[in-house]
């Protein structure tokens, strides 16, 4: 069996081969970048640069972290993801499935910002 690690997929191949669990594991290495991006979004929300209401997350993969700073201004978030495997991972989190990705440190970081902001 050959490895698909370094191969670029498009179209149906992408749907068939994208592994959201591997992606989320890789994402752990980029916690600092995620933290900084969420702080930037939080500051935009606090300054009123981003208005709330209905928000669309298009192609977010299996990730919800970019939505966390937007929760307090959102009345609804439409999560439109291309791949079924990514939608399944997000649904597992919504269903509080024990095997879902643990987003708690992202939520804790945002709570700390709100407490100190």
N, C-alpha and C. Protein backbone atom coordinates (compact mmCIF):
# COMPACT_ATOMS: atom_id res chain seq x y z
N UNK A 1 0.85 -1.18 0.00
CA UNK A 1 0.00 0.00 0.00
C UNK A 1 0.89 1.24 0.00
N UNK A 2 0.59 2.19 -0.86
CA UNK A 2 1.39 3.40 -0.94
C UNK A 2 0.78 4.48 -0.06
N UNK A 3 1.63 5.36 0.40
CA UNK A 3 1.18 6.44 1.27
C UNK A 3 0.65 7.61 0.44
N UNK A 4 -0.42 8.22 0.91
CA UNK A 4 -1.00 9.39 0.25
C UNK A 4 -0.59 10.68 0.94
N UNK A 5 0.38 10.60 1.86
CA UNK A 5 0.73 11.74 2.69
C UNK A 5 1.17 12.95 1.88
N UNK A 6 1.96 12.75 0.83
CA UNK A 6 2.51 13.87 0.08
C UNK A 6 1.81 14.10 -1.25
N UNK A 7 0.70 13.47 -1.47
CA UNK A 7 -0.01 13.62 -2.73
C UNK A 7 -1.10 14.68 -2.59
N UNK A 8 -1.25 15.49 -3.61
CA UNK A 8 -2.29 16.51 -3.64
C UNK A 8 -3.52 15.94 -4.32
N UNK A 9 -4.66 16.04 -3.65
CA UNK A 9 -5.90 15.51 -4.19
C UNK A 9 -6.84 16.64 -4.55
N UNK A 10 -7.67 16.39 -5.55
CA UNK A 10 -8.68 17.36 -5.95
C UNK A 10 -9.97 16.62 -6.29
N UNK A 11 -11.07 17.35 -6.26
CA UNK A 11 -12.35 16.77 -6.64
C UNK A 11 -12.74 15.58 -5.80
N UNK A 12 -13.23 14.55 -6.44
CA UNK A 12 -13.70 13.36 -5.74
C UNK A 12 -12.57 12.67 -4.97
N UNK A 13 -11.35 12.71 -5.51
CA UNK A 13 -10.23 12.11 -4.79
C UNK A 13 -10.07 12.75 -3.41
N UNK A 14 -10.25 14.06 -3.35
CA UNK A 14 -10.13 14.77 -2.08
C UNK A 14 -11.16 14.24 -1.08
N UNK A 15 -12.40 14.09 -1.54
CA UNK A 15 -13.46 13.57 -0.67
C UNK A 15 -13.14 12.16 -0.19
N UNK A 16 -12.55 11.37 -1.05
CA UNK A 16 -12.26 9.98 -0.72
C UNK A 16 -11.05 9.81 0.18
N UNK A 17 -10.09 10.74 0.10
CA UNK A 17 -8.82 10.54 0.78
C UNK A 17 -8.53 11.50 1.94
N UNK A 18 -9.28 12.57 2.07
CA UNK A 18 -9.02 13.50 3.16
C UNK A 18 -9.33 12.82 4.49
N UNK A 19 -8.38 12.92 5.43
CA UNK A 19 -8.55 12.30 6.73
C UNK A 19 -8.61 13.39 7.79
N UNK A 20 -9.82 13.71 8.28
CA UNK A 20 -9.95 14.81 9.23
C UNK A 20 -9.24 14.55 10.55
N UNK A 21 -9.12 13.30 10.96
CA UNK A 21 -8.44 13.00 12.23
C UNK A 21 -6.95 13.29 12.11
N UNK A 22 -6.35 12.92 10.98
CA UNK A 22 -4.94 13.26 10.75
C UNK A 22 -4.76 14.77 10.68
N UNK A 23 -5.69 15.44 10.03
CA UNK A 23 -5.62 16.89 9.91
C UNK A 23 -5.67 17.55 11.28
N UNK A 24 -6.58 17.10 12.13
CA UNK A 24 -6.71 17.68 13.47
C UNK A 24 -5.47 17.39 14.31
N UNK A 25 -4.88 16.21 14.13
CA UNK A 25 -3.63 15.89 14.85
C UNK A 25 -2.51 16.83 14.40
N UNK A 26 -2.45 17.10 13.11
CA UNK A 26 -1.45 18.03 12.60
C UNK A 26 -1.70 19.44 13.12
N UNK A 27 -2.95 19.80 13.25
CA UNK A 27 -3.35 21.13 13.73
C UNK A 27 -2.80 21.41 15.12
N UNK A 28 -2.61 20.39 15.92
CA UNK A 28 -2.05 20.56 17.27
C UNK A 28 -0.70 21.27 17.22
N UNK A 29 0.06 21.05 16.17
CA UNK A 29 1.38 21.67 16.05
C UNK A 29 1.28 23.18 15.82
N UNK A 30 0.09 23.64 15.44
CA UNK A 30 -0.09 25.05 15.10
C UNK A 30 -0.98 25.77 16.10
N UNK A 31 -0.95 25.34 17.35
CA UNK A 31 -1.77 25.95 18.39
C UNK A 31 -1.49 27.45 18.50
N UNK A 32 -0.24 27.84 18.46
CA UNK A 32 0.12 29.24 18.63
C UNK A 32 -0.49 30.10 17.51
N UNK A 33 -0.43 29.62 16.28
CA UNK A 33 -1.02 30.35 15.16
C UNK A 33 -2.54 30.45 15.32
N UNK A 34 -3.18 29.35 15.73
CA UNK A 34 -4.62 29.37 15.97
C UNK A 34 -4.97 30.37 17.07
N UNK A 35 -4.20 30.36 18.12
CA UNK A 35 -4.43 31.26 19.25
C UNK A 35 -4.34 32.72 18.78
N UNK A 36 -3.32 33.04 18.02
CA UNK A 36 -3.14 34.41 17.53
C UNK A 36 -4.26 34.82 16.59
N UNK A 37 -4.67 33.92 15.71
CA UNK A 37 -5.75 34.23 14.78
C UNK A 37 -7.06 34.48 15.53
N UNK A 38 -7.34 33.66 16.53
CA UNK A 38 -8.56 33.84 17.31
C UNK A 38 -8.52 35.14 18.10
N UNK A 39 -7.37 35.54 18.58
CA UNK A 39 -7.25 36.82 19.28
C UNK A 39 -7.52 37.97 18.31
N UNK A 40 -7.03 37.85 17.09
CA UNK A 40 -7.30 38.87 16.08
C UNK A 40 -8.80 38.96 15.80
N UNK A 41 -9.45 37.83 15.59
CA UNK A 41 -10.89 37.82 15.36
C UNK A 41 -11.64 38.42 16.56
N UNK A 42 -11.22 38.02 17.75
CA UNK A 42 -11.85 38.55 18.96
C UNK A 42 -11.75 40.07 19.01
N UNK A 43 -10.58 40.60 18.70
CA UNK A 43 -10.39 42.05 18.71
C UNK A 43 -11.24 42.74 17.64
N UNK A 44 -11.38 42.12 16.48
CA UNK A 44 -12.24 42.67 15.43
C UNK A 44 -13.69 42.73 15.90
N UNK A 45 -14.13 41.67 16.58
CA UNK A 45 -15.50 41.64 17.11
C UNK A 45 -15.67 42.73 18.17
N UNK A 46 -14.72 42.82 19.09
CA UNK A 46 -14.81 43.80 20.17
C UNK A 46 -14.85 45.23 19.65
N UNK A 47 -14.13 45.50 18.57
CA UNK A 47 -14.09 46.85 18.00
C UNK A 47 -15.25 47.12 17.05
N UNK A 48 -16.09 46.10 16.82
CA UNK A 48 -17.25 46.28 15.96
C UNK A 48 -16.97 46.16 14.48
N UNK A 49 -15.77 45.68 14.11
CA UNK A 49 -15.44 45.51 12.70
C UNK A 49 -16.20 44.35 12.06
N UNK A 50 -16.58 43.40 12.88
CA UNK A 50 -17.36 42.25 12.40
C UNK A 50 -18.70 42.31 13.10
N UNK A 51 -19.74 42.32 12.31
CA UNK A 51 -21.10 42.37 12.85
C UNK A 51 -21.67 40.96 12.91
N UNK A 52 -22.61 40.77 13.78
CA UNK A 52 -23.19 39.44 13.99
C UNK A 52 -24.37 39.15 13.10
N UNK A 53 -25.15 38.21 13.56
CA UNK A 53 -26.30 37.73 12.81
C UNK A 53 -26.04 36.33 12.34
N UNK A 54 -26.47 36.05 11.15
CA UNK A 54 -26.27 34.73 10.55
C UNK A 54 -24.90 34.71 9.89
N UNK A 55 -24.09 33.73 10.26
CA UNK A 55 -22.74 33.61 9.70
C UNK A 55 -22.62 32.31 8.90
N UNK A 56 -21.80 32.36 7.87
CA UNK A 56 -21.56 31.20 7.02
C UNK A 56 -20.10 30.79 7.14
N UNK A 57 -19.88 29.57 7.55
CA UNK A 57 -18.53 28.98 7.54
C UNK A 57 -18.50 28.05 6.35
N UNK A 58 -17.75 28.44 5.33
CA UNK A 58 -17.70 27.69 4.09
C UNK A 58 -16.36 26.98 3.96
N UNK A 59 -16.41 25.67 3.97
CA UNK A 59 -15.18 24.90 3.79
C UNK A 59 -14.25 24.96 4.98
N UNK A 60 -14.80 24.90 6.18
CA UNK A 60 -13.99 24.99 7.39
C UNK A 60 -13.29 23.69 7.77
N UNK A 61 -13.48 22.65 6.98
CA UNK A 61 -12.89 21.37 7.33
C UNK A 61 -13.50 20.85 8.62
N UNK A 62 -12.74 20.08 9.38
CA UNK A 62 -13.26 19.54 10.63
C UNK A 62 -13.07 20.49 11.81
N UNK A 63 -12.81 21.77 11.52
CA UNK A 63 -12.41 22.73 12.55
C UNK A 63 -13.51 23.72 12.89
N UNK A 64 -13.66 23.97 14.17
CA UNK A 64 -14.61 24.97 14.63
C UNK A 64 -13.90 26.14 15.31
N UNK A 65 -12.59 26.08 15.47
CA UNK A 65 -11.88 27.08 16.27
C UNK A 65 -12.05 28.50 15.75
N UNK A 66 -12.19 28.69 14.44
CA UNK A 66 -12.36 30.04 13.91
C UNK A 66 -13.73 30.61 14.22
N UNK A 67 -14.64 29.76 14.65
CA UNK A 67 -15.99 30.21 14.97
C UNK A 67 -16.12 30.67 16.42
N UNK A 68 -15.24 30.22 17.27
CA UNK A 68 -15.36 30.49 18.71
C UNK A 68 -15.40 31.99 19.01
N UNK A 69 -14.52 32.82 18.42
CA UNK A 69 -14.60 34.25 18.73
C UNK A 69 -15.87 34.92 18.20
N UNK A 70 -16.58 34.25 17.30
CA UNK A 70 -17.77 34.83 16.68
C UNK A 70 -19.06 34.41 17.36
N UNK A 71 -18.97 33.53 18.34
CA UNK A 71 -20.18 32.99 18.97
C UNK A 71 -21.03 34.06 19.64
N UNK A 72 -20.41 35.02 20.28
CA UNK A 72 -21.20 35.99 21.04
C UNK A 72 -21.95 36.98 20.15
N UNK A 73 -21.59 37.07 18.87
CA UNK A 73 -22.30 37.99 17.97
C UNK A 73 -23.18 37.25 16.97
N UNK A 74 -23.20 35.93 17.03
CA UNK A 74 -23.92 35.13 16.04
C UNK A 74 -25.29 34.73 16.55
N UNK A 75 -26.26 34.85 15.68
CA UNK A 75 -27.58 34.31 15.98
C UNK A 75 -27.71 32.91 15.39
N UNK A 76 -26.90 32.65 14.37
CA UNK A 76 -26.91 31.35 13.71
C UNK A 76 -25.60 31.19 12.95
N UNK A 77 -25.05 29.98 12.96
CA UNK A 77 -23.87 29.68 12.16
C UNK A 77 -24.23 28.54 11.24
N UNK A 78 -24.08 28.78 9.95
CA UNK A 78 -24.30 27.74 8.95
C UNK A 78 -22.93 27.16 8.63
N UNK A 79 -22.76 25.89 8.91
CA UNK A 79 -21.47 25.22 8.70
C UNK A 79 -21.57 24.42 7.41
N UNK A 80 -21.05 24.98 6.33
CA UNK A 80 -21.14 24.35 5.01
C UNK A 80 -19.77 23.76 4.65
N UNK A 81 -19.62 22.50 4.90
CA UNK A 81 -18.35 21.81 4.65
C UNK A 81 -18.49 20.88 3.46
N UNK A 82 -17.43 20.82 2.66
CA UNK A 82 -17.44 20.02 1.43
C UNK A 82 -17.43 18.52 1.68
N UNK A 83 -16.59 18.09 2.60
CA UNK A 83 -16.39 16.64 2.75
C UNK A 83 -17.24 16.06 3.87
N UNK A 84 -17.80 14.92 3.58
CA UNK A 84 -18.63 14.24 4.57
C UNK A 84 -17.82 13.88 5.81
N UNK A 85 -16.57 13.46 5.62
CA UNK A 85 -15.76 13.05 6.77
C UNK A 85 -15.54 14.21 7.73
N UNK A 86 -15.38 15.43 7.22
CA UNK A 86 -15.22 16.59 8.09
C UNK A 86 -16.53 16.93 8.79
N UNK A 87 -17.63 16.83 8.07
CA UNK A 87 -18.94 17.08 8.69
C UNK A 87 -19.21 16.07 9.80
N UNK A 88 -18.81 14.84 9.60
CA UNK A 88 -18.98 13.81 10.63
C UNK A 88 -18.18 14.17 11.87
N UNK A 89 -16.94 14.64 11.70
CA UNK A 89 -16.12 15.02 12.85
C UNK A 89 -16.74 16.16 13.64
N UNK A 90 -17.28 17.14 12.96
CA UNK A 90 -17.92 18.26 13.65
C UNK A 90 -19.19 17.78 14.34
N UNK A 91 -19.95 16.93 13.67
CA UNK A 91 -21.18 16.40 14.28
C UNK A 91 -20.86 15.59 15.53
N UNK A 92 -19.75 14.85 15.51
CA UNK A 92 -19.35 14.10 16.71
C UNK A 92 -19.12 15.07 17.88
N UNK A 93 -18.52 16.21 17.60
CA UNK A 93 -18.30 17.20 18.66
C UNK A 93 -19.64 17.75 19.14
N UNK A 94 -20.53 18.08 18.22
CA UNK A 94 -21.85 18.58 18.60
C UNK A 94 -22.62 17.57 19.45
N UNK A 95 -22.44 16.29 19.13
CA UNK A 95 -23.12 15.22 19.85
C UNK A 95 -22.41 14.84 21.15
N UNK A 96 -21.30 15.53 21.46
CA UNK A 96 -20.49 15.25 22.66
C UNK A 96 -19.95 13.82 22.68
N UNK A 97 -19.65 13.32 21.51
CA UNK A 97 -19.06 11.99 21.36
C UNK A 97 -17.66 12.02 22.00
N UNK A 98 -17.37 11.01 22.80
CA UNK A 98 -16.07 10.97 23.49
C UNK A 98 -14.89 10.90 22.53
N UNK A 99 -15.10 10.43 21.33
CA UNK A 99 -14.00 10.32 20.37
C UNK A 99 -13.80 11.60 19.55
N UNK A 100 -14.60 12.63 19.83
CA UNK A 100 -14.47 13.86 19.05
C UNK A 100 -13.23 14.65 19.50
N UNK A 101 -12.80 15.55 18.64
CA UNK A 101 -11.65 16.40 18.94
C UNK A 101 -11.97 17.28 20.15
N UNK A 102 -11.00 17.49 21.00
CA UNK A 102 -11.20 18.29 22.20
C UNK A 102 -10.85 19.76 21.92
N UNK A 103 -11.87 20.58 21.81
CA UNK A 103 -11.69 22.01 21.52
C UNK A 103 -11.63 22.83 22.80
N UNK A 104 -11.55 22.20 23.95
CA UNK A 104 -11.68 22.92 25.22
C UNK A 104 -10.61 24.00 25.41
N UNK A 105 -9.39 23.76 24.99
CA UNK A 105 -8.38 24.81 25.23
C UNK A 105 -8.66 26.04 24.38
N UNK A 106 -9.29 25.86 23.23
CA UNK A 106 -9.67 27.02 22.41
C UNK A 106 -10.77 27.82 23.11
N UNK A 107 -11.75 27.11 23.69
CA UNK A 107 -12.81 27.79 24.42
C UNK A 107 -12.27 28.46 25.69
N UNK A 108 -11.36 27.78 26.38
CA UNK A 108 -10.77 28.35 27.60
C UNK A 108 -9.97 29.61 27.27
N UNK A 109 -9.23 29.57 26.19
CA UNK A 109 -8.46 30.74 25.79
C UNK A 109 -9.39 31.92 25.49
N UNK A 110 -10.48 31.65 24.80
CA UNK A 110 -11.43 32.72 24.48
C UNK A 110 -12.08 33.25 25.76
N UNK A 111 -12.40 32.37 26.69
CA UNK A 111 -12.98 32.81 27.97
C UNK A 111 -12.00 33.69 28.73
N UNK A 112 -10.71 33.33 28.69
CA UNK A 112 -9.69 34.16 29.33
C UNK A 112 -9.60 35.54 28.70
N UNK A 113 -9.69 35.59 27.39
CA UNK A 113 -9.66 36.89 26.70
C UNK A 113 -10.86 37.74 27.14
N UNK A 114 -12.02 37.13 27.20
CA UNK A 114 -13.23 37.87 27.57
C UNK A 114 -13.17 38.33 29.02
N UNK A 115 -12.60 37.51 29.89
CA UNK A 115 -12.48 37.89 31.30
C UNK A 115 -11.49 39.03 31.50
N UNK A 116 -10.44 39.06 30.65
CA UNK A 116 -9.39 40.07 30.80
C UNK A 116 -9.59 41.27 29.88
N UNK A 117 -10.57 41.19 28.98
CA UNK A 117 -10.78 42.25 28.00
C UNK A 117 -11.76 43.21 28.47
